[in-house]
């Protein structure tokens, strides 16, 4: 069985940390223990929230679709569901890969069983992942609005200025 590994973080700051390395190690260990060969690895720094704007995800999706038969790819392996998608559009697209190419999703964590119960679990977890992103956006906007109401600029100080509280 040949798999494609997908490892993702949301920001450049996370890229500098250890999350990608940990995901890759866990994915490679899972593949090795299962006796799977890794056809390709996609290591990505991009938000999983924005469907159409996900350049790397769209590239991986198209590559898998175009090469599934030739490379004998049977799965996309990710650490867990929210590393692959945090919106329902991409979740549906990934499920369609199974129908069109026979490529399934495999995870180190969040294993979903076969049949209707497995599909339900997947859909619930995809909806929870989308809710997390939607709620996070609302909370960030609420915090920025309050920051402005208290007299602070909405972001950090421009280059050459310091972030200091000069209201005291």
N, C-alpha and C. Protein backbone atom coordinates (compact mmCIF):
# COMPACT_ATOMS: atom_id res chain seq x y z
N UNK A 1 0.85 -1.18 0.00
CA UNK A 1 0.00 0.00 0.00
C UNK A 1 0.89 1.24 0.00
N UNK A 2 0.66 2.14 -0.95
CA UNK A 2 1.40 3.39 -1.02
C UNK A 2 0.54 4.51 -0.45
N UNK A 3 1.15 5.37 0.34
CA UNK A 3 0.43 6.48 0.95
C UNK A 3 1.14 7.79 0.66
N UNK A 4 0.38 8.86 0.77
CA UNK A 4 0.90 10.22 0.72
C UNK A 4 0.79 10.75 2.14
N UNK A 5 1.87 11.31 2.67
CA UNK A 5 1.85 11.90 4.01
C UNK A 5 1.55 13.38 3.89
N UNK A 6 0.66 13.85 4.76
CA UNK A 6 0.29 15.27 4.83
C UNK A 6 0.59 15.75 6.25
N UNK A 7 1.45 16.76 6.38
CA UNK A 7 1.75 17.38 7.68
C UNK A 7 1.55 18.88 7.52
N UNK A 8 0.79 19.47 8.46
CA UNK A 8 0.44 20.88 8.31
C UNK A 8 0.46 21.62 9.64
N UNK A 9 0.94 22.85 9.58
CA UNK A 9 0.77 23.82 10.67
C UNK A 9 0.14 25.06 10.06
N UNK A 10 -0.44 25.90 10.91
CA UNK A 10 -1.20 27.05 10.42
C UNK A 10 -0.37 28.29 10.19
N UNK A 11 0.79 28.41 10.85
CA UNK A 11 1.53 29.67 10.77
C UNK A 11 3.03 29.44 10.68
N UNK A 12 3.73 30.48 10.24
CA UNK A 12 5.19 30.42 10.15
C UNK A 12 5.81 30.19 11.52
N UNK A 13 5.19 30.80 12.56
CA UNK A 13 5.73 30.62 13.92
C UNK A 13 5.69 29.15 14.32
N UNK A 14 4.60 28.46 13.97
CA UNK A 14 4.51 27.04 14.29
C UNK A 14 5.52 26.24 13.48
N UNK A 15 5.84 26.69 12.28
CA UNK A 15 6.81 25.99 11.42
C UNK A 15 8.17 25.95 12.10
N UNK A 16 8.48 27.01 12.85
CA UNK A 16 9.76 27.08 13.54
C UNK A 16 9.81 26.15 14.74
N UNK A 17 8.67 25.70 15.21
CA UNK A 17 8.60 24.82 16.38
C UNK A 17 8.83 23.36 16.01
N UNK A 18 8.18 22.49 16.76
CA UNK A 18 8.42 21.05 16.62
C UNK A 18 7.22 20.29 16.07
N UNK A 19 6.11 20.97 15.79
CA UNK A 19 4.89 20.29 15.39
C UNK A 19 5.07 19.51 14.08
N UNK A 20 5.66 20.12 13.08
CA UNK A 20 5.86 19.42 11.81
C UNK A 20 6.72 18.18 12.01
N UNK A 21 7.82 18.33 12.74
CA UNK A 21 8.70 17.19 12.98
C UNK A 21 7.96 16.07 13.71
N UNK A 22 7.15 16.44 14.71
CA UNK A 22 6.40 15.43 15.46
C UNK A 22 5.36 14.74 14.57
N UNK A 23 4.66 15.52 13.74
CA UNK A 23 3.69 14.93 12.83
C UNK A 23 4.36 13.97 11.85
N UNK A 24 5.47 14.42 11.26
CA UNK A 24 6.17 13.56 10.30
C UNK A 24 6.65 12.28 10.95
N UNK A 25 7.20 12.37 12.15
CA UNK A 25 7.68 11.18 12.86
C UNK A 25 6.51 10.21 13.12
N UNK A 26 5.40 10.74 13.62
CA UNK A 26 4.24 9.90 13.91
C UNK A 26 3.68 9.26 12.63
N UNK A 27 3.59 10.05 11.56
CA UNK A 27 3.08 9.52 10.28
C UNK A 27 4.01 8.45 9.72
N UNK A 28 5.30 8.72 9.74
CA UNK A 28 6.26 7.73 9.22
C UNK A 28 6.24 6.45 10.05
N UNK A 29 6.14 6.59 11.37
CA UNK A 29 6.07 5.41 12.23
C UNK A 29 4.82 4.60 11.94
N UNK A 30 3.69 5.27 11.78
CA UNK A 30 2.43 4.59 11.45
C UNK A 30 2.58 3.84 10.13
N UNK A 31 3.14 4.51 9.12
CA UNK A 31 3.32 3.88 7.81
C UNK A 31 4.24 2.67 7.92
N UNK A 32 5.33 2.82 8.64
CA UNK A 32 6.28 1.71 8.78
C UNK A 32 5.64 0.52 9.50
N UNK A 33 4.95 0.78 10.60
CA UNK A 33 4.31 -0.30 11.36
C UNK A 33 3.23 -1.01 10.55
N UNK A 34 2.55 -0.26 9.69
CA UNK A 34 1.49 -0.84 8.87
C UNK A 34 2.04 -1.49 7.59
N UNK A 35 3.33 -1.30 7.32
CA UNK A 35 3.93 -1.86 6.12
C UNK A 35 3.61 -1.07 4.86
N UNK A 36 3.32 0.21 5.03
CA UNK A 36 2.99 1.06 3.90
C UNK A 36 4.24 1.76 3.37
N UNK A 37 4.29 1.99 2.09
CA UNK A 37 5.36 2.76 1.47
C UNK A 37 4.87 4.20 1.29
N UNK A 38 5.77 5.14 1.51
CA UNK A 38 5.42 6.56 1.37
C UNK A 38 5.80 7.00 -0.04
N UNK A 39 4.79 7.36 -0.82
CA UNK A 39 5.01 7.81 -2.20
C UNK A 39 5.48 9.25 -2.26
N UNK A 40 4.95 10.07 -1.34
CA UNK A 40 5.31 11.49 -1.33
C UNK A 40 4.88 12.10 -0.01
N UNK A 41 5.61 13.13 0.42
CA UNK A 41 5.25 13.87 1.62
C UNK A 41 4.94 15.31 1.24
N UNK A 42 3.87 15.82 1.81
CA UNK A 42 3.51 17.23 1.66
C UNK A 42 3.64 17.87 3.04
N UNK A 43 4.55 18.82 3.18
CA UNK A 43 4.76 19.55 4.43
C UNK A 43 4.33 20.98 4.17
N UNK A 44 3.35 21.44 4.95
CA UNK A 44 2.62 22.65 4.58
C UNK A 44 2.49 23.61 5.75
N UNK A 45 2.62 24.91 5.43
CA UNK A 45 2.30 25.98 6.38
C UNK A 45 1.17 26.78 5.74
N UNK A 46 -0.06 26.47 6.13
CA UNK A 46 -1.21 27.23 5.66
C UNK A 46 -2.42 26.91 6.53
N UNK A 47 -3.32 27.85 6.61
CA UNK A 47 -4.55 27.65 7.37
C UNK A 47 -5.41 26.61 6.69
N UNK A 48 -6.05 25.77 7.48
CA UNK A 48 -6.96 24.77 6.92
C UNK A 48 -8.39 25.29 6.85
N UNK A 49 -8.61 26.51 7.26
CA UNK A 49 -9.96 27.07 7.29
C UNK A 49 -10.43 27.48 5.91
N UNK A 50 -9.59 28.17 5.18
CA UNK A 50 -10.00 28.75 3.91
C UNK A 50 -9.92 27.72 2.79
N UNK A 51 -11.05 27.29 2.29
CA UNK A 51 -11.09 26.24 1.27
C UNK A 51 -10.43 26.62 -0.04
N UNK A 52 -10.96 27.60 -0.74
CA UNK A 52 -10.49 27.94 -2.08
C UNK A 52 -9.08 28.50 -2.07
N UNK A 53 -8.66 29.12 -0.98
CA UNK A 53 -7.35 29.76 -0.91
C UNK A 53 -6.24 28.80 -0.49
N UNK A 54 -6.56 27.56 -0.25
CA UNK A 54 -5.57 26.61 0.25
C UNK A 54 -4.72 26.08 -0.90
N UNK A 55 -3.71 26.84 -1.27
CA UNK A 55 -2.87 26.51 -2.42
C UNK A 55 -2.22 25.14 -2.27
N UNK A 56 -1.57 24.90 -1.14
CA UNK A 56 -0.86 23.63 -0.96
C UNK A 56 -1.83 22.45 -0.91
N UNK A 57 -2.95 22.63 -0.22
CA UNK A 57 -3.95 21.55 -0.17
C UNK A 57 -4.46 21.24 -1.57
N UNK A 58 -4.79 22.28 -2.33
CA UNK A 58 -5.28 22.07 -3.70
C UNK A 58 -4.23 21.40 -4.57
N UNK A 59 -2.97 21.76 -4.37
CA UNK A 59 -1.88 21.12 -5.12
C UNK A 59 -1.80 19.63 -4.77
N UNK A 60 -1.84 19.31 -3.47
CA UNK A 60 -1.81 17.92 -3.04
C UNK A 60 -3.00 17.16 -3.60
N UNK A 61 -4.19 17.73 -3.49
CA UNK A 61 -5.41 17.09 -3.97
C UNK A 61 -5.29 16.75 -5.46
N UNK A 62 -4.86 17.73 -6.26
CA UNK A 62 -4.72 17.51 -7.71
C UNK A 62 -3.63 16.46 -8.00
N UNK A 63 -2.53 16.52 -7.25
CA UNK A 63 -1.45 15.56 -7.47
C UNK A 63 -1.92 14.15 -7.17
N UNK A 64 -2.60 13.97 -6.06
CA UNK A 64 -3.11 12.64 -5.70
C UNK A 64 -4.09 12.15 -6.76
N UNK A 65 -5.00 13.00 -7.15
CA UNK A 65 -6.01 12.61 -8.15
C UNK A 65 -5.34 12.21 -9.47
N UNK A 66 -4.31 12.96 -9.88
CA UNK A 66 -3.64 12.68 -11.14
C UNK A 66 -2.72 11.46 -11.07
N UNK A 67 -2.19 11.15 -9.88
CA UNK A 67 -1.18 10.10 -9.77
C UNK A 67 -1.62 8.86 -8.99
N UNK A 68 -2.85 8.83 -8.53
CA UNK A 68 -3.31 7.73 -7.67
C UNK A 68 -3.12 6.37 -8.33
N UNK A 69 -3.53 6.24 -9.55
CA UNK A 69 -3.44 4.94 -10.23
C UNK A 69 -2.00 4.58 -10.58
N UNK A 70 -1.28 5.54 -11.15
CA UNK A 70 0.10 5.27 -11.58
C UNK A 70 1.00 4.95 -10.39
N UNK A 71 0.85 5.70 -9.29
CA UNK A 71 1.68 5.52 -8.10
C UNK A 71 1.08 4.49 -7.13
N UNK A 72 -0.11 3.98 -7.48
CA UNK A 72 -0.82 3.00 -6.64
C UNK A 72 -1.05 3.53 -5.22
N UNK A 73 -1.49 4.77 -5.14
CA UNK A 73 -1.73 5.41 -3.85
C UNK A 73 -3.09 4.97 -3.33
N UNK A 74 -3.11 4.51 -2.11
CA UNK A 74 -4.37 4.04 -1.53
C UNK A 74 -4.85 4.91 -0.37
N UNK A 75 -3.98 5.80 0.13
CA UNK A 75 -4.41 6.63 1.27
C UNK A 75 -3.58 7.90 1.38
N UNK A 76 -4.22 8.91 1.97
CA UNK A 76 -3.54 10.11 2.44
C UNK A 76 -3.44 9.94 3.95
N UNK A 77 -2.24 9.99 4.47
CA UNK A 77 -2.00 9.77 5.89
C UNK A 77 -1.67 11.09 6.57
N UNK A 78 -2.46 11.43 7.59
CA UNK A 78 -2.22 12.64 8.37
C UNK A 78 -2.27 12.27 9.84
N UNK A 79 -1.73 13.15 10.67
CA UNK A 79 -1.71 12.87 12.10
C UNK A 79 -3.12 12.75 12.65
N UNK A 80 -3.98 13.72 12.31
CA UNK A 80 -5.40 13.65 12.67
C UNK A 80 -6.19 14.52 11.70
N UNK A 81 -7.49 14.41 11.76
CA UNK A 81 -8.36 15.06 10.78
C UNK A 81 -8.12 16.56 10.66
N UNK A 82 -7.97 17.26 11.78
CA UNK A 82 -7.85 18.72 11.68
C UNK A 82 -6.53 19.19 11.08
N UNK A 83 -5.59 18.30 10.89
CA UNK A 83 -4.38 18.66 10.16
C UNK A 83 -4.66 18.72 8.67
N UNK A 84 -5.64 17.95 8.19
CA UNK A 84 -5.98 17.94 6.76
C UNK A 84 -7.03 19.00 6.44
N UNK A 85 -8.08 19.08 7.26
CA UNK A 85 -9.15 20.02 6.93
C UNK A 85 -9.84 20.54 8.18
N UNK A 86 -10.27 21.80 8.05
CA UNK A 86 -11.09 22.43 9.08
C UNK A 86 -12.27 23.12 8.44
N UNK A 87 -12.69 22.61 7.30
CA UNK A 87 -13.90 23.12 6.66
C UNK A 87 -14.58 21.95 5.94
N UNK A 88 -15.89 22.05 5.84
CA UNK A 88 -16.68 20.95 5.29
C UNK A 88 -16.43 20.75 3.79
N UNK A 89 -16.12 21.82 3.09
CA UNK A 89 -15.88 21.70 1.64
C UNK A 89 -14.70 20.75 1.37
N UNK A 90 -13.60 20.95 2.08
CA UNK A 90 -12.44 20.09 1.88
C UNK A 90 -12.70 18.67 2.38
N UNK A 91 -13.47 18.53 3.45
CA UNK A 91 -13.82 17.19 3.96
C UNK A 91 -14.58 16.41 2.89
N UNK A 92 -15.52 17.07 2.23
CA UNK A 92 -16.29 16.42 1.17
C UNK A 92 -15.38 16.07 0.00
N UNK A 93 -14.48 16.99 -0.37
CA UNK A 93 -13.55 16.71 -1.48
C UNK A 93 -12.68 15.50 -1.17
N UNK A 94 -12.22 15.39 0.07
CA UNK A 94 -11.39 14.25 0.44
C UNK A 94 -12.19 12.94 0.39
N UNK A 95 -13.44 13.00 0.81
CA UNK A 95 -14.29 11.80 0.72
C UNK A 95 -14.53 11.41 -0.74
N UNK A 96 -14.61 12.40 -1.62
CA UNK A 96 -14.83 12.11 -3.04
C UNK A 96 -13.62 11.43 -3.68
N UNK A 97 -12.42 11.63 -3.11
CA UNK A 97 -11.23 10.94 -3.63
C UNK A 97 -11.40 9.43 -3.53
N UNK A 98 -12.06 8.98 -2.48
CA UNK A 98 -12.27 7.54 -2.33
C UNK A 98 -13.17 7.02 -3.45
N UNK A 99 -14.23 7.77 -3.75
CA UNK A 99 -15.15 7.36 -4.81
C UNK A 99 -14.50 7.39 -6.18
N UNK A 100 -13.74 8.44 -6.47
CA UNK A 100 -13.18 8.61 -7.81
C UNK A 100 -11.87 7.86 -8.03
N UNK A 101 -11.04 7.73 -6.98
CA UNK A 101 -9.71 7.15 -7.16
C UNK A 101 -9.42 5.98 -6.22
N UNK A 102 -10.29 5.74 -5.27
CA UNK A 102 -10.02 4.69 -4.30
C UNK A 102 -9.05 5.10 -3.22
N UNK A 103 -8.76 6.40 -3.10
CA UNK A 103 -7.82 6.91 -2.10
C UNK A 103 -8.59 7.25 -0.83
N UNK A 104 -8.24 6.58 0.26
CA UNK A 104 -8.90 6.81 1.54
C UNK A 104 -8.08 7.76 2.39
N UNK A 105 -8.65 8.15 3.52
CA UNK A 105 -7.92 8.92 4.51
C UNK A 105 -7.50 7.98 5.62
N UNK A 106 -6.27 8.16 6.09
CA UNK A 106 -5.77 7.37 7.22
C UNK A 106 -5.17 8.35 8.22
N UNK A 107 -5.29 8.02 9.50
CA UNK A 107 -4.83 8.92 10.54
C UNK A 107 -4.05 8.17 11.59
N UNK A 108 -3.09 8.86 12.20
CA UNK A 108 -2.39 8.32 13.35
C UNK A 108 -3.37 8.31 14.53
N UNK A 109 -4.11 9.40 14.69
CA UNK A 109 -5.16 9.50 15.69
C UNK A 109 -6.50 9.64 14.96
N UNK A 110 -7.61 9.60 15.67
CA UNK A 110 -8.95 9.77 15.09
C UNK A 110 -9.25 8.71 14.03
N UNK A 111 -9.13 7.46 14.36
CA UNK A 111 -9.47 6.41 13.41
C UNK A 111 -10.98 6.33 13.26
N UNK A 112 -11.45 6.29 12.03
CA UNK A 112 -12.87 6.19 11.74
C UNK A 112 -13.12 4.81 11.14
N UNK A 113 -14.08 4.12 11.70
CA UNK A 113 -14.40 2.78 11.23
C UNK A 113 -15.10 2.81 9.87
N UNK A 114 -15.37 1.63 9.34
CA UNK A 114 -16.04 1.53 8.04
C UNK A 114 -17.55 1.76 8.16
N UNK A 115 -18.18 1.95 7.05
CA UNK A 115 -19.63 2.02 6.99
C UNK A 115 -20.21 3.34 7.45
N UNK A 116 -21.52 3.30 7.70
CA UNK A 116 -22.26 4.50 8.06
C UNK A 116 -21.76 5.11 9.37
N UNK A 117 -21.43 4.28 10.35
CA UNK A 117 -20.95 4.80 11.64
C UNK A 117 -19.62 5.52 11.48
N UNK A 118 -18.73 4.99 10.67
CA UNK A 118 -17.46 5.64 10.41
C UNK A 118 -17.63 6.95 9.67
N UNK A 119 -18.53 6.97 8.69
CA UNK A 119 -18.82 8.20 7.94
C UNK A 119 -19.42 9.25 8.86
N UNK A 120 -20.32 8.83 9.74
CA UNK A 120 -20.91 9.77 10.69
C UNK A 120 -19.84 10.35 11.61
N UNK A 121 -18.96 9.51 12.13
CA UNK A 121 -17.88 9.99 13.00
C UNK A 121 -16.99 10.99 12.28
N UNK A 122 -16.64 10.68 11.04
CA UNK A 122 -15.82 11.58 10.24
C UNK A 122 -16.52 12.92 10.06
N UNK A 123 -17.80 12.88 9.68
CA UNK A 123 -18.54 14.12 9.43
C UNK A 123 -18.70 14.94 10.70
N UNK A 124 -18.92 14.30 11.82
CA UNK A 124 -19.04 15.03 13.09
C UNK A 124 -17.71 15.69 13.43
N UNK A 125 -16.60 14.96 13.29
CA UNK A 125 -15.29 15.53 13.60
C UNK A 125 -14.94 16.67 12.64
N UNK A 126 -15.32 16.55 11.37
CA UNK A 126 -15.08 17.63 10.41
C UNK A 126 -15.89 18.86 10.79
N UNK A 127 -17.13 18.66 11.23
CA UNK A 127 -17.96 19.79 11.65
C UNK A 127 -17.39 20.44 12.91
N UNK A 128 -16.88 19.64 13.84
CA UNK A 128 -16.26 20.17 15.06
C UNK A 128 -15.02 20.99 14.69
N UNK A 129 -14.22 20.49 13.76
CA UNK A 129 -13.02 21.21 13.33
C UNK A 129 -13.40 22.55 12.70
N UNK A 130 -14.47 22.57 11.89
CA UNK A 130 -14.90 23.82 11.30
C UNK A 130 -15.42 24.77 12.37
N UNK A 131 -16.18 24.24 13.32
CA UNK A 131 -16.68 25.07 14.42
C UNK A 131 -15.52 25.72 15.17
N UNK A 132 -14.47 24.97 15.44
CA UNK A 132 -13.30 25.50 16.14
C UNK A 132 -12.75 26.72 15.41
N UNK A 133 -12.58 26.61 14.10
CA UNK A 133 -12.06 27.73 13.32
C UNK A 133 -13.01 28.91 13.30
N UNK A 134 -14.29 28.63 13.10
CA UNK A 134 -15.28 29.71 13.08
C UNK A 134 -15.33 30.43 14.42
N UNK A 135 -15.33 29.69 15.51
CA UNK A 135 -15.38 30.28 16.84
C UNK A 135 -14.10 31.06 17.15
N UNK A 136 -12.97 30.54 16.76
CA UNK A 136 -11.70 31.23 16.98
C UNK A 136 -11.71 32.59 16.28
N UNK A 137 -12.21 32.62 15.07
CA UNK A 137 -12.30 33.88 14.32
C UNK A 137 -13.17 34.88 15.08
N UNK A 138 -14.32 34.44 15.56
CA UNK A 138 -15.22 35.33 16.32
C UNK A 138 -14.54 35.87 17.57
N UNK A 139 -13.83 35.02 18.28
CA UNK A 139 -13.16 35.44 19.51
C UNK A 139 -12.03 36.43 19.23
N UNK A 140 -11.29 36.22 18.16
CA UNK A 140 -10.21 37.14 17.80
C UNK A 140 -10.79 38.51 17.44
N UNK A 141 -11.86 38.53 16.64
CA UNK A 141 -12.50 39.80 16.27
C UNK A 141 -13.02 40.51 17.51
N UNK A 142 -13.64 39.78 18.42
CA UNK A 142 -14.15 40.37 19.65
C UNK A 142 -13.00 40.99 20.46
N UNK A 143 -11.90 40.30 20.56
CA UNK A 143 -10.74 40.82 21.29
C UNK A 143 -10.15 42.06 20.64
N UNK A 144 -10.04 42.05 19.31
CA UNK A 144 -9.50 43.21 18.61
C UNK A 144 -10.42 44.41 18.75
N UNK A 145 -11.73 44.19 18.68
CA UNK A 145 -12.68 45.29 18.87
C UNK A 145 -12.51 45.92 20.25
N UNK A 146 -12.36 45.09 21.26
CA UNK A 146 -12.19 45.61 22.62
C UNK A 146 -10.86 46.36 22.75
N UNK A 147 -9.82 45.85 22.11
CA UNK A 147 -8.52 46.52 22.14
C UNK A 147 -8.63 47.93 21.57
N UNK A 148 -9.34 48.08 20.45
CA UNK A 148 -9.54 49.39 19.82
C UNK A 148 -10.37 50.29 20.74
N UNK A 149 -11.42 49.76 21.35
CA UNK A 149 -12.26 50.56 22.26
C UNK A 149 -11.45 51.10 23.44
N UNK A 150 -10.41 50.37 23.85
CA UNK A 150 -9.59 50.80 24.97
C UNK A 150 -8.45 51.72 24.51
N UNK A 151 -8.43 52.08 23.24
CA UNK A 151 -7.46 53.05 22.76
C UNK A 151 -6.19 52.48 22.16
N UNK A 152 -6.14 51.20 22.00
CA UNK A 152 -4.95 50.57 21.41
C UNK A 152 -5.14 50.41 19.90
N UNK A 153 -4.04 50.40 19.15
CA UNK A 153 -4.17 50.08 17.73
C UNK A 153 -4.56 48.59 17.59
N UNK A 154 -5.22 48.21 16.51
CA UNK A 154 -5.69 46.83 16.39
C UNK A 154 -4.59 45.80 16.22
N UNK A 155 -3.42 46.22 15.83
CA UNK A 155 -2.30 45.29 15.66
C UNK A 155 -1.11 45.75 16.47
N UNK A 156 0.05 45.26 16.10
CA UNK A 156 1.26 45.71 16.78
C UNK A 156 1.67 47.06 16.23
N UNK A 157 2.55 47.75 16.94
CA UNK A 157 3.01 49.06 16.51
C UNK A 157 3.77 48.94 15.19
N UNK A 158 3.67 49.98 14.33
CA UNK A 158 4.41 49.95 13.06
C UNK A 158 5.92 49.89 13.31
N UNK A 159 6.63 49.50 12.29
CA UNK A 159 8.08 49.41 12.36
C UNK A 159 8.66 50.74 12.85
N UNK A 160 9.56 50.67 13.82
CA UNK A 160 10.19 51.86 14.36
C UNK A 160 9.52 52.40 15.62
N UNK A 161 8.38 51.86 16.00
CA UNK A 161 7.66 52.29 17.20
C UNK A 161 7.62 51.14 18.21
N UNK A 162 7.41 51.50 19.46
CA UNK A 162 7.34 50.50 20.52
C UNK A 162 5.90 50.27 20.96
N UNK A 163 5.59 49.07 21.37
CA UNK A 163 4.30 48.74 21.94
C UNK A 163 4.38 49.03 23.45
N UNK A 164 4.00 50.23 23.84
CA UNK A 164 4.03 50.60 25.26
C UNK A 164 2.68 51.22 25.64
N UNK A 165 2.32 51.06 26.90
CA UNK A 165 1.08 51.65 27.41
C UNK A 165 1.43 53.04 27.94
N UNK A 166 1.14 54.07 27.13
CA UNK A 166 1.49 55.42 27.52
C UNK A 166 0.27 56.17 28.10
N UNK A 167 -0.79 55.43 28.43
CA UNK A 167 -1.99 56.06 28.96
C UNK A 167 -1.88 56.33 30.44
N UNK A 168 -0.90 55.83 31.12
CA UNK A 168 -0.74 56.01 32.58
C UNK A 168 0.11 57.20 32.92
